[in-house]
Each structure stands twice: as structure tokens, then as C-alpha cells.
Amino acid sequence: MKEQLFFELNGTLPEDLKDIARLIERAALGRRQDSLELLALLRLLEYVHREVRDNLFRDTLPENRQQLYALLRDIELNGGWPYIQRMKLRSLLERLSLEEESPVSE
């Protein structure tokens, strides 16, 4: 039976990574009405991403053509280079502008 998370998981993940995904999902859903708490979660995820990238991943980068090919092939097949995109301030301002234009029903 396939597990359904609110975000799409590509490929087959080891069980420990699925557990991490489930914990993140629960943390996010438990904070769904609190933008400051969700922002704290996003900052934590960004921090962990940066730490893994800078302190572990870089040491494992390919040292020969075969390893480079395998890495590039995996990137091509399984969804590209990991990147944590930040919300653009413009998007936030546009949302506020739309809310100001909408009549408030009381």
C-alpha cells in the first residue's frame, strides 16, 4: 500500500527517510494556522539542508568520470539538484493586496 503524504516523494526512499518525511509532515500540519511556527520549520529545514550539503555531501562528490556520470544520471532521473526556494516577498505583498481589495463579510 502506497503511503500518501501531502508532498510528493519521488523514487523509493529508505524507511528512515520516510520516517523523517512523516515527522516533517506532522510538524507542518500541526502548525498549519501559524505562519510564524511554519516559518520556524522552514528555517530549520533550510539550516539542516545547508549543514548536510556543506559538511557531508561535498565530501562525497565524484572523484572520477564514472562517479560523476552516476551522480548526473541520478540527478537527471530523480528530480534534479536539491534546492530550497524561498518565497518571494512580492508574492506576500500581492496576497496582502488581494485581501485588501476583497470586501470583508461580517
N, C-alpha and C. Protein backbone atom coordinates (compact mmCIF):
# COMPACT_ATOMS: atom_id res chain seq x y z
N MET A 1 0.84 -1.19 0.00
CA MET A 1 0.00 0.00 0.00
C MET A 1 0.88 1.25 0.00
N LYS A 2 0.60 2.16 -0.91
CA LYS A 2 1.39 3.38 -1.04
C LYS A 2 0.94 4.41 0.00
N GLU A 3 1.92 4.98 0.69
CA GLU A 3 1.60 6.00 1.68
C GLU A 3 1.43 7.33 0.98
N GLN A 4 0.46 8.11 1.41
CA GLN A 4 0.19 9.40 0.78
C GLN A 4 0.56 10.53 1.74
N LEU A 5 1.62 11.24 1.42
CA LEU A 5 1.98 12.43 2.17
C LEU A 5 1.43 13.64 1.45
N PHE A 6 1.35 14.77 2.12
CA PHE A 6 0.83 15.96 1.45
C PHE A 6 1.82 16.52 0.45
N PHE A 7 3.05 16.04 0.47
CA PHE A 7 4.00 16.40 -0.56
C PHE A 7 4.42 15.13 -1.28
N GLU A 8 4.80 15.29 -2.53
CA GLU A 8 5.14 14.15 -3.38
C GLU A 8 6.55 13.67 -3.09
N LEU A 9 6.70 12.37 -2.83
CA LEU A 9 8.01 11.77 -2.66
C LEU A 9 8.33 11.00 -3.93
N ASN A 10 9.42 11.38 -4.60
CA ASN A 10 9.82 10.71 -5.82
C ASN A 10 10.77 9.56 -5.51
N GLY A 11 10.59 8.47 -6.21
CA GLY A 11 11.51 7.35 -6.05
C GLY A 11 11.25 6.57 -4.78
N THR A 12 12.07 5.60 -4.57
CA THR A 12 11.97 4.75 -3.40
C THR A 12 12.93 5.26 -2.35
N LEU A 13 12.40 5.60 -1.21
CA LEU A 13 13.22 6.10 -0.12
C LEU A 13 13.44 5.01 0.92
N PRO A 14 14.59 5.03 1.57
CA PRO A 14 14.78 4.12 2.70
C PRO A 14 13.79 4.46 3.81
N GLU A 15 13.48 3.49 4.63
CA GLU A 15 12.47 3.67 5.68
C GLU A 15 12.79 4.81 6.64
N ASP A 16 14.07 5.01 6.98
CA ASP A 16 14.41 6.09 7.91
C ASP A 16 14.11 7.46 7.30
N LEU A 17 14.28 7.61 5.98
CA LEU A 17 13.95 8.89 5.34
C LEU A 17 12.44 9.08 5.24
N LYS A 18 11.70 7.99 5.03
CA LYS A 18 10.23 8.08 5.06
C LYS A 18 9.75 8.53 6.44
N ASP A 19 10.41 8.00 7.49
CA ASP A 19 10.06 8.40 8.85
C ASP A 19 10.29 9.90 9.05
N ILE A 20 11.40 10.41 8.54
CA ILE A 20 11.70 11.84 8.64
C ILE A 20 10.63 12.65 7.90
N ALA A 21 10.26 12.19 6.71
CA ALA A 21 9.22 12.89 5.93
C ALA A 21 7.90 12.92 6.70
N ARG A 22 7.55 11.81 7.34
CA ARG A 22 6.31 11.77 8.13
C ARG A 22 6.37 12.74 9.31
N LEU A 23 7.53 12.82 9.97
CA LEU A 23 7.68 13.75 11.09
C LEU A 23 7.55 15.20 10.62
N ILE A 24 8.16 15.51 9.49
CA ILE A 24 8.06 16.87 8.94
C ILE A 24 6.61 17.18 8.59
N GLU A 25 5.94 16.22 7.98
CA GLU A 25 4.54 16.42 7.63
C GLU A 25 3.69 16.70 8.86
N ARG A 26 3.87 15.89 9.90
CA ARG A 26 3.11 16.11 11.14
C ARG A 26 3.42 17.47 11.75
N ALA A 27 4.71 17.84 11.74
CA ALA A 27 5.10 19.14 12.30
C ALA A 27 4.45 20.28 11.52
N ALA A 28 4.44 20.16 10.20
CA ALA A 28 3.85 21.21 9.36
C ALA A 28 2.34 21.28 9.55
N LEU A 29 1.68 20.13 9.51
CA LEU A 29 0.21 20.13 9.65
C LEU A 29 -0.21 20.62 11.03
N GLY A 30 0.57 20.33 12.04
CA GLY A 30 0.26 20.81 13.39
C GLY A 30 0.42 22.31 13.54
N ARG A 31 1.08 22.93 12.59
CA ARG A 31 1.32 24.37 12.63
C ARG A 31 0.62 25.11 11.49
N ARG A 32 -0.30 24.45 10.83
CA ARG A 32 -0.87 24.99 9.59
C ARG A 32 -1.54 26.35 9.73
N GLN A 33 -1.97 26.71 10.91
CA GLN A 33 -2.62 28.00 11.11
C GLN A 33 -1.69 29.06 11.70
N ASP A 34 -0.41 28.75 11.84
CA ASP A 34 0.51 29.67 12.49
C ASP A 34 1.70 29.96 11.58
N SER A 35 1.67 31.10 10.92
CA SER A 35 2.72 31.42 9.94
C SER A 35 4.09 31.54 10.59
N LEU A 36 4.16 32.03 11.83
CA LEU A 36 5.47 32.14 12.49
C LEU A 36 6.06 30.78 12.81
N GLU A 37 5.22 29.85 13.23
CA GLU A 37 5.68 28.49 13.50
C GLU A 37 6.10 27.78 12.22
N LEU A 38 5.33 27.97 11.15
CA LEU A 38 5.71 27.38 9.86
C LEU A 38 7.00 27.98 9.34
N LEU A 39 7.18 29.27 9.55
CA LEU A 39 8.42 29.93 9.16
C LEU A 39 9.61 29.34 9.94
N ALA A 40 9.41 29.08 11.21
CA ALA A 40 10.47 28.44 12.02
C ALA A 40 10.80 27.06 11.47
N LEU A 41 9.79 26.31 11.06
CA LEU A 41 10.02 24.99 10.46
C LEU A 41 10.81 25.11 9.16
N LEU A 42 10.43 26.06 8.32
CA LEU A 42 11.14 26.27 7.06
C LEU A 42 12.60 26.67 7.31
N ARG A 43 12.81 27.51 8.30
CA ARG A 43 14.20 27.90 8.64
C ARG A 43 15.00 26.70 9.12
N LEU A 44 14.38 25.85 9.92
CA LEU A 44 15.06 24.65 10.38
C LEU A 44 15.42 23.74 9.20
N LEU A 45 14.48 23.55 8.29
CA LEU A 45 14.76 22.70 7.13
C LEU A 45 15.88 23.28 6.27
N GLU A 46 15.87 24.59 6.11
CA GLU A 46 16.94 25.24 5.35
C GLU A 46 18.29 25.05 6.05
N TYR A 47 18.31 25.19 7.36
CA TYR A 47 19.54 25.02 8.13
C TYR A 47 20.08 23.59 8.00
N VAL A 48 19.18 22.61 8.15
CA VAL A 48 19.60 21.22 8.03
C VAL A 48 20.11 20.94 6.62
N HIS A 49 19.43 21.46 5.62
CA HIS A 49 19.85 21.31 4.22
C HIS A 49 21.27 21.85 4.03
N ARG A 50 21.51 23.03 4.54
CA ARG A 50 22.82 23.67 4.39
C ARG A 50 23.91 22.87 5.13
N GLU A 51 23.61 22.40 6.33
CA GLU A 51 24.58 21.63 7.10
C GLU A 51 24.95 20.32 6.41
N VAL A 52 23.95 19.60 5.92
CA VAL A 52 24.22 18.34 5.23
C VAL A 52 25.02 18.61 3.96
N ARG A 53 24.61 19.62 3.20
CA ARG A 53 25.31 19.96 1.95
C ARG A 53 26.76 20.35 2.21
N ASP A 54 26.98 21.25 3.16
CA ASP A 54 28.32 21.80 3.36
C ASP A 54 29.25 20.88 4.15
N ASN A 55 28.71 20.11 5.08
CA ASN A 55 29.57 19.32 5.96
C ASN A 55 29.63 17.84 5.64
N LEU A 56 28.73 17.34 4.81
CA LEU A 56 28.75 15.91 4.49
C LEU A 56 28.77 15.65 2.98
N PHE A 57 27.82 16.27 2.27
CA PHE A 57 27.65 15.97 0.85
C PHE A 57 28.87 16.36 0.02
N ARG A 58 29.42 17.51 0.27
CA ARG A 58 30.57 17.96 -0.53
C ARG A 58 31.73 16.98 -0.48
N ASP A 59 31.91 16.31 0.66
CA ASP A 59 33.00 15.34 0.79
C ASP A 59 32.76 14.08 -0.04
N THR A 60 31.52 13.88 -0.48
CA THR A 60 31.20 12.67 -1.25
C THR A 60 31.12 12.92 -2.74
N LEU A 61 31.41 14.14 -3.18
CA LEU A 61 31.32 14.44 -4.62
C LEU A 61 32.28 13.58 -5.42
N PRO A 62 31.93 13.33 -6.68
CA PRO A 62 32.70 12.41 -7.52
C PRO A 62 34.18 12.77 -7.65
N GLU A 63 34.97 11.70 -7.72
CA GLU A 63 36.41 11.86 -7.90
C GLU A 63 36.87 11.32 -9.25
N ASN A 64 35.95 10.70 -10.00
CA ASN A 64 36.31 10.21 -11.33
C ASN A 64 35.09 10.31 -12.25
N ARG A 65 35.30 10.04 -13.52
CA ARG A 65 34.24 10.19 -14.53
C ARG A 65 33.07 9.25 -14.28
N GLN A 66 33.35 8.03 -13.86
CA GLN A 66 32.27 7.07 -13.63
C GLN A 66 31.36 7.53 -12.50
N GLN A 67 31.95 8.01 -11.42
CA GLN A 67 31.16 8.52 -10.30
C GLN A 67 30.38 9.77 -10.71
N LEU A 68 31.01 10.63 -11.49
CA LEU A 68 30.33 11.83 -11.97
C LEU A 68 29.14 11.45 -12.85
N TYR A 69 29.35 10.50 -13.74
CA TYR A 69 28.26 10.05 -14.60
C TYR A 69 27.11 9.50 -13.76
N ALA A 70 27.42 8.69 -12.76
CA ALA A 70 26.37 8.10 -11.91
C ALA A 70 25.60 9.20 -11.18
N LEU A 71 26.31 10.20 -10.67
CA LEU A 71 25.64 11.31 -9.97
C LEU A 71 24.76 12.10 -10.93
N LEU A 72 25.28 12.45 -12.09
CA LEU A 72 24.50 13.23 -13.05
C LEU A 72 23.29 12.44 -13.56
N ARG A 73 23.47 11.15 -13.73
CA ARG A 73 22.37 10.29 -14.18
C ARG A 73 21.27 10.26 -13.11
N ASP A 74 21.66 10.14 -11.85
CA ASP A 74 20.68 10.15 -10.77
C ASP A 74 19.94 11.49 -10.73
N ILE A 75 20.68 12.58 -10.88
CA ILE A 75 20.06 13.90 -10.89
C ILE A 75 19.04 14.00 -12.03
N GLU A 76 19.41 13.49 -13.19
CA GLU A 76 18.53 13.54 -14.35
C GLU A 76 17.27 12.69 -14.14
N LEU A 77 17.44 11.51 -13.59
CA LEU A 77 16.32 10.58 -13.44
C LEU A 77 15.42 10.87 -12.24
N ASN A 78 15.99 11.44 -11.20
CA ASN A 78 15.24 11.53 -9.93
C ASN A 78 14.96 12.94 -9.46
N GLY A 79 14.93 13.90 -10.34
CA GLY A 79 14.39 15.18 -9.94
C GLY A 79 15.34 16.33 -9.73
N GLY A 80 16.50 16.29 -10.26
CA GLY A 80 17.35 17.47 -10.23
C GLY A 80 18.11 17.67 -8.94
N TRP A 81 18.73 18.81 -8.86
CA TRP A 81 19.57 19.19 -7.74
C TRP A 81 18.70 19.70 -6.61
N PRO A 82 18.93 19.27 -5.37
CA PRO A 82 18.10 19.76 -4.26
C PRO A 82 18.29 21.26 -4.05
N TYR A 83 17.20 21.94 -3.89
CA TYR A 83 17.24 23.38 -3.71
C TYR A 83 16.06 23.78 -2.86
N ILE A 84 16.29 24.63 -1.89
CA ILE A 84 15.20 25.13 -1.07
C ILE A 84 14.91 26.56 -1.53
N GLN A 85 13.78 26.71 -2.21
CA GLN A 85 13.42 28.00 -2.76
C GLN A 85 12.72 28.84 -1.71
N ARG A 86 13.09 30.07 -1.63
CA ARG A 86 12.44 30.98 -0.69
C ARG A 86 11.27 31.67 -1.36
N MET A 87 10.25 31.93 -0.57
CA MET A 87 9.09 32.65 -1.06
C MET A 87 9.53 34.08 -1.38
N LYS A 88 9.08 34.56 -2.48
CA LYS A 88 9.42 35.92 -2.88
C LYS A 88 8.54 36.91 -2.10
N LEU A 89 9.17 37.97 -1.64
CA LEU A 89 8.45 39.00 -0.90
C LEU A 89 7.29 39.55 -1.74
N ARG A 90 7.50 39.61 -3.04
CA ARG A 90 6.46 40.12 -3.94
C ARG A 90 5.19 39.27 -3.82
N SER A 91 5.33 37.95 -3.68
CA SER A 91 4.16 37.06 -3.54
C SER A 91 3.38 37.39 -2.28
N LEU A 92 4.10 37.65 -1.19
CA LEU A 92 3.45 38.01 0.06
C LEU A 92 2.71 39.34 -0.08
N LEU A 93 3.35 40.31 -0.70
CA LEU A 93 2.71 41.61 -0.88
C LEU A 93 1.50 41.52 -1.80
N GLU A 94 1.57 40.69 -2.83
CA GLU A 94 0.42 40.51 -3.73
C GLU A 94 -0.75 39.91 -2.97
N ARG A 95 -0.47 38.95 -2.10
CA ARG A 95 -1.54 38.33 -1.31
C ARG A 95 -2.20 39.36 -0.40
N LEU A 96 -1.38 40.19 0.24
CA LEU A 96 -1.93 41.25 1.10
C LEU A 96 -2.77 42.22 0.29
N SER A 97 -2.31 42.55 -0.89
CA SER A 97 -3.04 43.47 -1.75
C SER A 97 -4.38 42.88 -2.17
N LEU A 98 -4.43 41.58 -2.47
CA LEU A 98 -5.69 40.93 -2.83
C LEU A 98 -6.66 40.93 -1.66
N GLU A 99 -6.15 40.70 -0.46
CA GLU A 99 -7.02 40.70 0.72
C GLU A 99 -7.60 42.08 0.99
N GLU A 100 -6.83 43.13 0.72
CA GLU A 100 -7.32 44.49 0.93
C GLU A 100 -8.41 44.84 -0.08
N GLU A 101 -8.32 44.29 -1.30
CA GLU A 101 -9.32 44.57 -2.33
C GLU A 101 -10.61 43.82 -2.11
N SER A 102 -10.55 42.67 -1.45
CA SER A 102 -11.75 41.84 -1.21
C SER A 102 -12.59 42.47 -0.10
N PRO A 103 -13.91 42.56 -0.34
CA PRO A 103 -14.78 43.07 0.73
C PRO A 103 -14.84 42.07 1.88
N VAL A 104 -14.80 42.58 3.10
CA VAL A 104 -14.85 41.75 4.29
C VAL A 104 -16.31 41.54 4.66
N SER A 105 -16.72 40.27 4.74
CA SER A 105 -18.11 39.99 5.12
C SER A 105 -18.18 39.82 6.63
N GLU A 106 -19.13 40.49 7.23
CA GLU A 106 -19.31 40.39 8.68
C GLU A 106 -20.69 39.91 9.01
